[in-house]
Structures are given as C-alpha cells and as structure tokens.
C-alpha cells in the first residue's frame, strides 16, 4: 500500500482543462522529472520492503531469458563433450550450394563459434536430437560456419550475433533467418514453416 501512496500521491479532480489540484486551483502538468522522481520513489519503496515475491519473479525472468547462456557456460566449465550428431555437417560453402542444387535441397547454415555459450548449448541439446537430425536430413544440406574464421561469409549474410541459423536456396539467397538461440522445438518449427 505504501507503493500506491507514493506512486499516486495526491488525487486530482479534473476541471475544464482536465487538470486541477486538490484545492480545485489550476495544476501545472507533471514534468518528466516529476514522473521519474515518482517512479524512482516507487522502486525505492519496493527495494526497502524487499518484497520476496517481486524478487522471486525477477530472478525467474532472468533465468528464463538467460537459460541458454547459463547452460552453455555450464557445458564449457565442466568440459562436457557434446553428444555425437548424425547430421553430416559441411564446411565448404560453395560445395554445399552445389550439392543443394544437384539434390534439389536447401542449405541450412549454422553460424557458430566455440566460445559462444548459446552455440555450445545448441551443440549439446538441439543438433544431436533424433527429430532434428531427421528434419535436417529430409530436405537440407547442413553447413556449419565458424563465424570467427569465415568472416567474409558472415559479412555477406550480415551476421552480427551468434548463433545465427539461415535457410538458403540453392543459389545462396536467404529464405529464412533466425538470429539467436533456437530450442529443439524452435528449430523444428523453423524448418517446418519453410518446408515446400
């Protein structure tokens, strides 16, 4: 209740101009500084009370948002080896395009790096999964690109963050793009939405 009192402050009764103070006289419009001060006071009141529900919710939101990062750090810190993936990853871009042309398939490109925690999490949890292996093998030529080593290809496709997953046609044009971590279900959806 203290937060409500701090945020709301005084009650106003609208007049012809829509703004009157408690006594009925004209009130100046609230400035951004006053609004910021009121918001700051409200946050300070929450901070002083240390409302456990608020902090539990905040920690939960941060964990959900950062989960792929945390998993990747864990895998790297423990030295856990990624399960073997049955996906036949290519590393030569032009050869992958040529194979896609001859097999009438699309190229699935994973821009990644060894130091990238979400990339490491995908390497452990997404790529080795049997459903993902089946979906990738069904109509795609898989290409793994180390974004640090192949900066020319990364620049060509405007890769500024990793992981980035692209679906290309056989001529190298982008059909679909995802910047950031993809869960197993997210990758399956990504591939299903672009199926012919």
C-alpha atoms as a PDB file:
ATOM      1  CA  UNK A   1       0.000   0.000   0.000  1.00  0.00           C
ATOM      2  CA  UNK A   2       2.927   2.326   0.626  1.00  0.00           C
ATOM      3  CA  UNK A   3       3.857   1.944  -3.043  1.00  0.00           C
ATOM      4  CA  UNK A   4       0.385   3.036  -4.142  1.00  0.00           C
ATOM      5  CA  UNK A   5       0.559   6.089  -1.932  1.00  0.00           C
ATOM      6  CA  UNK A   6       3.963   7.038  -3.302  1.00  0.00           C
ATOM      7  CA  UNK A   7       3.025   6.467  -6.935  1.00  0.00           C
ATOM      8  CA  UNK A   8      -0.413   8.036  -6.821  1.00  0.00           C
ATOM      9  CA  UNK A   9       0.473  10.856  -4.420  1.00  0.00           C
ATOM     10  CA  UNK A  10      -2.422  13.335  -4.374  1.00  0.00           C
ATOM     11  CA  UNK A  11      -5.763  12.909  -6.055  1.00  0.00           C
ATOM     12  CA  UNK A  12      -6.791  15.354  -8.746  1.00  0.00           C
ATOM     13  CA  UNK A  13     -10.259  16.378  -9.816  1.00  0.00           C
ATOM     14  CA  UNK A  14     -10.439  17.363 -13.466  1.00  0.00           C
ATOM     15  CA  UNK A  15     -11.687  20.790 -14.403  1.00  0.00           C
ATOM     16  CA  UNK A  16     -12.393  22.307 -17.783  1.00  0.00           C
ATOM     17  CA  UNK A  17      -8.739  21.913 -18.739  1.00  0.00           C
ATOM     18  CA  UNK A  18      -8.565  18.423 -17.256  1.00  0.00           C
ATOM     19  CA  UNK A  19      -6.015  19.344 -14.542  1.00  0.00           C
ATOM     20  CA  UNK A  20      -6.884  20.773 -11.120  1.00  0.00           C
ATOM     21  CA  UNK A  21      -5.118  20.175  -7.846  1.00  0.00           C
ATOM     22  CA  UNK A  22      -6.688  19.052  -4.573  1.00  0.00           C
ATOM     23  CA  UNK A  23      -7.953  22.524  -3.736  1.00  0.00           C
ATOM     24  CA  UNK A  24      -9.514  23.000  -7.170  1.00  0.00           C
ATOM     25  CA  UNK A  25      -6.946  25.502  -8.457  1.00  0.00           C
ATOM     26  CA  UNK A  26      -5.083  25.015 -11.708  1.00  0.00           C
ATOM     27  CA  UNK A  27      -2.262  22.447 -11.551  1.00  0.00           C
ATOM     28  CA  UNK A  28       0.825  22.530 -13.706  1.00  0.00           C
ATOM     29  CA  UNK A  29       1.266  19.490 -15.976  1.00  0.00           C
ATOM     30  CA  UNK A  30       3.602  16.924 -14.445  1.00  0.00           C
ATOM     31  CA  UNK A  31       7.073  17.100 -15.959  1.00  0.00           C
ATOM     32  CA  UNK A  32       9.213  14.132 -16.958  1.00  0.00           C
ATOM     33  CA  UNK A  33      11.415  14.881 -13.959  1.00  0.00           C
ATOM     34  CA  UNK A  34       8.441  14.624 -11.607  1.00  0.00           C
ATOM     35  CA  UNK A  35       7.296  11.384 -13.237  1.00  0.00           C
ATOM     36  CA  UNK A  36      10.805   9.944 -12.994  1.00  0.00           C
ATOM     37  CA  UNK A  37      11.027  11.000  -9.355  1.00  0.00           C
ATOM     38  CA  UNK A  38       7.738   9.296  -8.571  1.00  0.00           C
ATOM     39  CA  UNK A  39       8.800   6.112 -10.342  1.00  0.00           C
ATOM     40  CA  UNK A  40      12.144   6.171  -8.536  1.00  0.00           C
ATOM     41  CA  UNK A  41      10.321   6.614  -5.197  1.00  0.00           C
ATOM     42  CA  UNK A  42       8.076   3.648  -6.002  1.00  0.00           C
ATOM     43  CA  UNK A  43      11.053   1.434  -6.866  1.00  0.00           C
ATOM     44  CA  UNK A  44      12.870   2.539  -3.723  1.00  0.00           C
ATOM     45  CA  UNK A  45       9.818   1.602  -1.656  1.00  0.00           C
ATOM     46  CA  UNK A  46       9.809  -1.882  -3.235  1.00  0.00           C
ATOM     47  CA  UNK A  47      13.556  -2.145  -2.632  1.00  0.00           C
ATOM     48  CA  UNK A  48      13.206  -1.144   1.038  1.00  0.00           C
ATOM     49  CA  UNK A  49      10.449  -3.676   1.616  1.00  0.00           C
ATOM     50  CA  UNK A  50      12.422  -6.403  -0.163  1.00  0.00           C
ATOM     51  CA  UNK A  51       9.175  -7.957  -1.342  1.00  0.00           C
ATOM     52  CA  UNK A  52      10.113 -11.650  -1.792  1.00  0.00           C
ATOM     53  CA  UNK A  53       7.512 -12.278  -4.482  1.00  0.00           C
ATOM     54  CA  UNK A  54       8.843  -9.413  -6.620  1.00  0.00           C
ATOM     55  CA  UNK A  55      12.432 -10.626  -6.310  1.00  0.00           C
ATOM     56  CA  UNK A  56      11.496 -14.258  -6.956  1.00  0.00           C
ATOM     57  CA  UNK A  57       9.668 -13.191 -10.108  1.00  0.00           C
ATOM     58  CA  UNK A  58      12.619 -11.054 -11.217  1.00  0.00           C
ATOM     59  CA  UNK A  59      15.096 -13.923 -10.702  1.00  0.00           C
ATOM     60  CA  UNK A  60      12.762 -16.308 -12.570  1.00  0.00           C
ATOM     61  CA  UNK A  61      12.505 -13.931 -15.543  1.00  0.00           C
ATOM     62  CA  UNK A  62      16.292 -13.501 -15.704  1.00  0.00           C
ATOM     63  CA  UNK A  63      16.831 -17.274 -15.541  1.00  0.00           C
ATOM     64  CA  UNK A  64      14.334 -17.936 -18.324  1.00  0.00           C
ATOM     65  CA  UNK A  65      15.857 -15.283 -20.556  1.00  0.00           C
ATOM     66  CA  UNK A  66      19.446 -16.349 -19.867  1.00  0.00           C
ATOM     67  CA  UNK A  67      18.926 -20.136 -19.716  1.00  0.00           C
ATOM     68  CA  UNK A  68      20.762 -20.977 -22.993  1.00  0.00           C
ATOM     69  CA  UNK A  69      23.672 -18.789 -21.886  1.00  0.00           C
ATOM     70  CA  UNK A  70      23.825 -20.465 -18.472  1.00  0.00           C
ATOM     71  CA  UNK A  71      23.657 -23.948 -19.989  1.00  0.00           C
ATOM     72  CA  UNK A  72      26.435 -23.124 -22.430  1.00  0.00           C
ATOM     73  CA  UNK A  73      28.640 -21.811 -19.627  1.00  0.00           C
ATOM     74  CA  UNK A  74      27.928 -24.948 -17.607  1.00  0.00           C
ATOM     75  CA  UNK A  75      28.866 -27.247 -20.506  1.00  0.00           C
ATOM     76  CA  UNK A  76      32.085 -25.313 -21.112  1.00  0.00           C
ATOM     77  CA  UNK A  77      33.030 -25.113 -17.421  1.00  0.00           C
ATOM     78  CA  UNK A  78      32.539 -28.831 -16.868  1.00  0.00           C
ATOM     79  CA  UNK A  79      34.218 -29.802 -20.117  1.00  0.00           C
ATOM     80  CA  UNK A  80      31.178 -31.862 -21.103  1.00  0.00           C
ATOM     81  CA  UNK A  81      31.506 -33.272 -24.594  1.00  0.00           C
ATOM     82  CA  UNK A  82      28.567 -32.735 -26.901  1.00  0.00           C
ATOM     83  CA  UNK A  83      26.794 -35.910 -27.998  1.00  0.00           C
ATOM     84  CA  UNK A  84      27.695 -37.010 -31.487  1.00  0.00           C
ATOM     85  CA  UNK A  85      25.329 -35.612 -34.068  1.00  0.00           C
ATOM     86  CA  UNK A  86      24.267 -37.683 -37.040  1.00  0.00           C
ATOM     87  CA  UNK A  87      23.984 -34.524 -39.134  1.00  0.00           C
ATOM     88  CA  UNK A  88      26.563 -34.531 -41.937  1.00  0.00           C
ATOM     89  CA  UNK A  89      27.902 -31.003 -41.494  1.00  0.00           C
ATOM     90  CA  UNK A  90      29.703 -29.479 -44.449  1.00  0.00           C
ATOM     91  CA  UNK A  91      32.215 -26.698 -44.017  1.00  0.00           C
ATOM     92  CA  UNK A  92      32.693 -25.606 -47.644  1.00  0.00           C
ATOM     93  CA  UNK A  93      30.061 -23.067 -48.683  1.00  0.00           C
ATOM     94  CA  UNK A  94      30.371 -23.439 -52.466  1.00  0.00           C
ATOM     95  CA  UNK A  95      30.359 -27.250 -52.243  1.00  0.00           C
ATOM     96  CA  UNK A  96      27.234 -27.121 -50.061  1.00  0.00           C
ATOM     97  CA  UNK A  97      25.470 -24.915 -52.628  1.00  0.00           C
ATOM     98  CA  UNK A  98      26.491 -27.252 -55.459  1.00  0.00           C
ATOM     99  CA  UNK A  99      25.217 -30.266 -53.505  1.00  0.00           C
ATOM    100  CA  UNK A 100      21.946 -28.457 -52.758  1.00  0.00           C
ATOM    101  CA  UNK A 101      21.497 -27.650 -56.463  1.00  0.00           C
ATOM    102  CA  UNK A 102      22.127 -31.225 -57.583  1.00  0.00           C
ATOM    103  CA  UNK A 103      19.898 -32.758 -54.871  1.00  0.00           C
ATOM    104  CA  UNK A 104      17.185 -30.065 -55.134  1.00  0.00           C
ATOM    105  CA  UNK A 105      17.555 -29.196 -51.446  1.00  0.00           C
ATOM    106  CA  UNK A 106      18.039 -26.084 -49.355  1.00  0.00           C
ATOM    107  CA  UNK A 107      21.131 -25.199 -47.363  1.00  0.00           C
ATOM    108  CA  UNK A 108      20.779 -24.941 -43.589  1.00  0.00           C
ATOM    109  CA  UNK A 109      23.604 -22.745 -42.306  1.00  0.00           C
ATOM    110  CA  UNK A 110      24.598 -22.578 -38.640  1.00  0.00           C
ATOM    111  CA  UNK A 111      26.880 -19.626 -37.852  1.00  0.00           C
ATOM    112  CA  UNK A 112      28.530 -20.557 -34.583  1.00  0.00           C
ATOM    113  CA  UNK A 113      31.732 -20.329 -32.504  1.00  0.00           C
ATOM    114  CA  UNK A 114      33.361 -22.492 -29.846  1.00  0.00           C
ATOM    115  CA  UNK A 115      33.370 -19.703 -27.245  1.00  0.00           C
ATOM    116  CA  UNK A 116      29.655 -18.856 -27.651  1.00  0.00           C
ATOM    117  CA  UNK A 117      27.583 -20.323 -24.749  1.00  0.00           C
ATOM    118  CA  UNK A 118      24.236 -20.467 -26.635  1.00  0.00           C
ATOM    119  CA  UNK A 119      26.043 -22.136 -29.568  1.00  0.00           C
ATOM    120  CA  UNK A 120      27.523 -24.711 -27.177  1.00  0.00           C
ATOM    121  CA  UNK A 121      24.047 -25.313 -25.706  1.00  0.00           C
ATOM    122  CA  UNK A 122      22.643 -25.918 -29.217  1.00  0.00           C
ATOM    123  CA  UNK A 123      25.520 -28.280 -29.976  1.00  0.00           C
ATOM    124  CA  UNK A 124      24.624 -30.309 -26.861  1.00  0.00           C
ATOM    125  CA  UNK A 125      20.835 -30.117 -26.796  1.00  0.00           C
ATOM    126  CA  UNK A 126      19.500 -29.336 -30.269  1.00  0.00           C
ATOM    127  CA  UNK A 127      21.601 -30.665 -33.143  1.00  0.00           C
ATOM    128  CA  UNK A 128      22.055 -34.265 -31.836  1.00  0.00           C
ATOM    129  CA  UNK A 129      18.322 -34.817 -31.195  1.00  0.00           C
ATOM    130  CA  UNK A 130      16.860 -37.538 -33.482  1.00  0.00           C
ATOM    131  CA  UNK A 131      13.892 -35.392 -34.612  1.00  0.00           C
ATOM    132  CA  UNK A 132      16.233 -32.560 -35.578  1.00  0.00           C
ATOM    133  CA  UNK A 133      18.578 -34.953 -37.398  1.00  0.00           C
ATOM    134  CA  UNK A 134      15.614 -36.361 -39.339  1.00  0.00           C
ATOM    135  CA  UNK A 135      14.209 -32.914 -40.198  1.00  0.00           C
ATOM    136  CA  UNK A 136      17.585 -31.588 -41.342  1.00  0.00           C
ATOM    137  CA  UNK A 137      18.382 -34.702 -43.380  1.00  0.00           C
ATOM    138  CA  UNK A 138      14.974 -34.725 -45.076  1.00  0.00           C
ATOM    139  CA  UNK A 139      15.496 -31.707 -47.278  1.00  0.00           C
ATOM    140  CA  UNK A 140      18.620 -29.797 -46.322  1.00  0.00           C
ATOM    141  CA  UNK A 141      22.326 -29.695 -46.833  1.00  0.00           C
ATOM    142  CA  UNK A 142      23.797 -28.729 -43.457  1.00  0.00           C
ATOM    143  CA  UNK A 143      26.637 -26.207 -43.379  1.00  0.00           C
ATOM    144  CA  UNK A 144      28.499 -25.291 -40.200  1.00  0.00           C
ATOM    145  CA  UNK A 145      30.297 -21.938 -40.327  1.00  0.00           C
ATOM    146  CA  UNK A 146      32.688 -20.699 -37.658  1.00  0.00           C
ATOM    147  CA  UNK A 147      31.784 -17.012 -37.637  1.00  0.00           C
ATOM    148  CA  UNK A 148      35.226 -16.067 -36.295  1.00  0.00           C
ATOM    149  CA  UNK A 149      37.134 -17.884 -39.038  1.00  0.00           C
ATOM    150  CA  UNK A 150      34.880 -17.219 -42.028  1.00  0.00           C
ATOM    151  CA  UNK A 151      34.287 -13.502 -41.574  1.00  0.00           C
ATOM    152  CA  UNK A 152      33.691 -12.989 -45.304  1.00  0.00           C
ATOM    153  CA  UNK A 153      30.679 -15.316 -45.342  1.00  0.00           C
ATOM    154  CA  UNK A 154      29.413 -13.861 -42.053  1.00  0.00           C
ATOM    155  CA  UNK A 155      29.645 -10.355 -43.529  1.00  0.00           C
ATOM    156  CA  UNK A 156      27.951 -11.462 -46.753  1.00  0.00           C
ATOM    157  CA  UNK A 157      24.889 -12.546 -44.762  1.00  0.00           C
ATOM    158  CA  UNK A 158      25.025  -9.727 -42.224  1.00  0.00           C
ATOM    159  CA  UNK A 159      25.714 -11.988 -39.259  1.00  0.00           C
ATOM    160  CA  UNK A 160      26.360  -9.709 -36.301  1.00  0.00           C
ATOM    161  CA  UNK A 161      25.372 -12.088 -33.498  1.00  0.00           C
ATOM    162  CA  UNK A 162      25.683 -15.805 -32.998  1.00  0.00           C
ATOM    163  CA  UNK A 163      24.180 -18.287 -33.134  1.00  0.00           C
ATOM    164  CA  UNK A 164      22.504 -17.380 -36.400  1.00  0.00           C
ATOM    165  CA  UNK A 165      20.697 -20.025 -38.435  1.00  0.00           C
ATOM    166  CA  UNK A 166      19.923 -19.364 -42.082  1.00  0.00           C
ATOM    167  CA  UNK A 167      17.968 -21.323 -44.612  1.00  0.00           C
ATOM    168  CA  UNK A 168      19.247 -20.646 -48.119  1.00  0.00           C
ATOM    169  CA  UNK A 169      18.004 -21.703 -51.504  1.00  0.00           C
ATOM    170  CA  UNK A 170      20.414 -23.476 -53.831  1.00  0.00           C
ATOM    171  CA  UNK A 171      21.564 -20.108 -55.219  1.00  0.00           C
ATOM    172  CA  UNK A 172      22.548 -18.798 -51.781  1.00  0.00           C
ATOM    173  CA  UNK A 173      19.563 -16.471 -51.277  1.00  0.00           C
ATOM    174  CA  UNK A 174      18.151 -16.270 -47.761  1.00  0.00           C
ATOM    175  CA  UNK A 175      14.773 -17.993 -47.434  1.00  0.00           C
ATOM    176  CA  UNK A 176      14.519 -17.663 -43.674  1.00  0.00           C
ATOM    177  CA  UNK A 177      16.686 -16.365 -40.846  1.00  0.00           C
ATOM    178  CA  UNK A 178      16.897 -16.740 -37.081  1.00  0.00           C
ATOM    179  CA  UNK A 179      19.285 -14.660 -35.010  1.00  0.00           C
ATOM    180  CA  UNK A 180      19.879 -16.168 -31.586  1.00  0.00           C
ATOM    181  CA  UNK A 181      19.377 -19.422 -29.772  1.00  0.00           C
ATOM    182  CA  UNK A 182      16.843 -21.899 -31.130  1.00  0.00           C
ATOM    183  CA  UNK A 183      15.473 -24.623 -28.891  1.00  0.00           C
ATOM    184  CA  UNK A 184      14.803 -28.066 -30.305  1.00  0.00           C
ATOM    185  CA  UNK A 185      11.107 -27.255 -30.826  1.00  0.00           C
ATOM    186  CA  UNK A 186      12.009 -23.822 -32.189  1.00  0.00           C
ATOM    187  CA  UNK A 187      14.343 -25.310 -34.787  1.00  0.00           C
ATOM    188  CA  UNK A 188      11.757 -27.923 -35.798  1.00  0.00           C
ATOM    189  CA  UNK A 189       9.184 -25.121 -36.220  1.00  0.00           C
ATOM    190  CA  UNK A 190      11.739 -23.057 -38.164  1.00  0.00           C
ATOM    191  CA  UNK A 191      12.267 -25.946 -40.602  1.00  0.00           C
ATOM    192  CA  UNK A 192       8.575 -26.907 -40.825  1.00  0.00           C
ATOM    193  CA  UNK A 193       7.472 -23.357 -41.663  1.00  0.00           C
ATOM    194  CA  UNK A 194       9.755 -23.293 -44.681  1.00  0.00           C
ATOM    195  CA  UNK A 195       9.045 -26.782 -45.998  1.00  0.00           C
ATOM    196  CA  UNK A 196       7.981 -26.863 -49.640  1.00  0.00           C
END
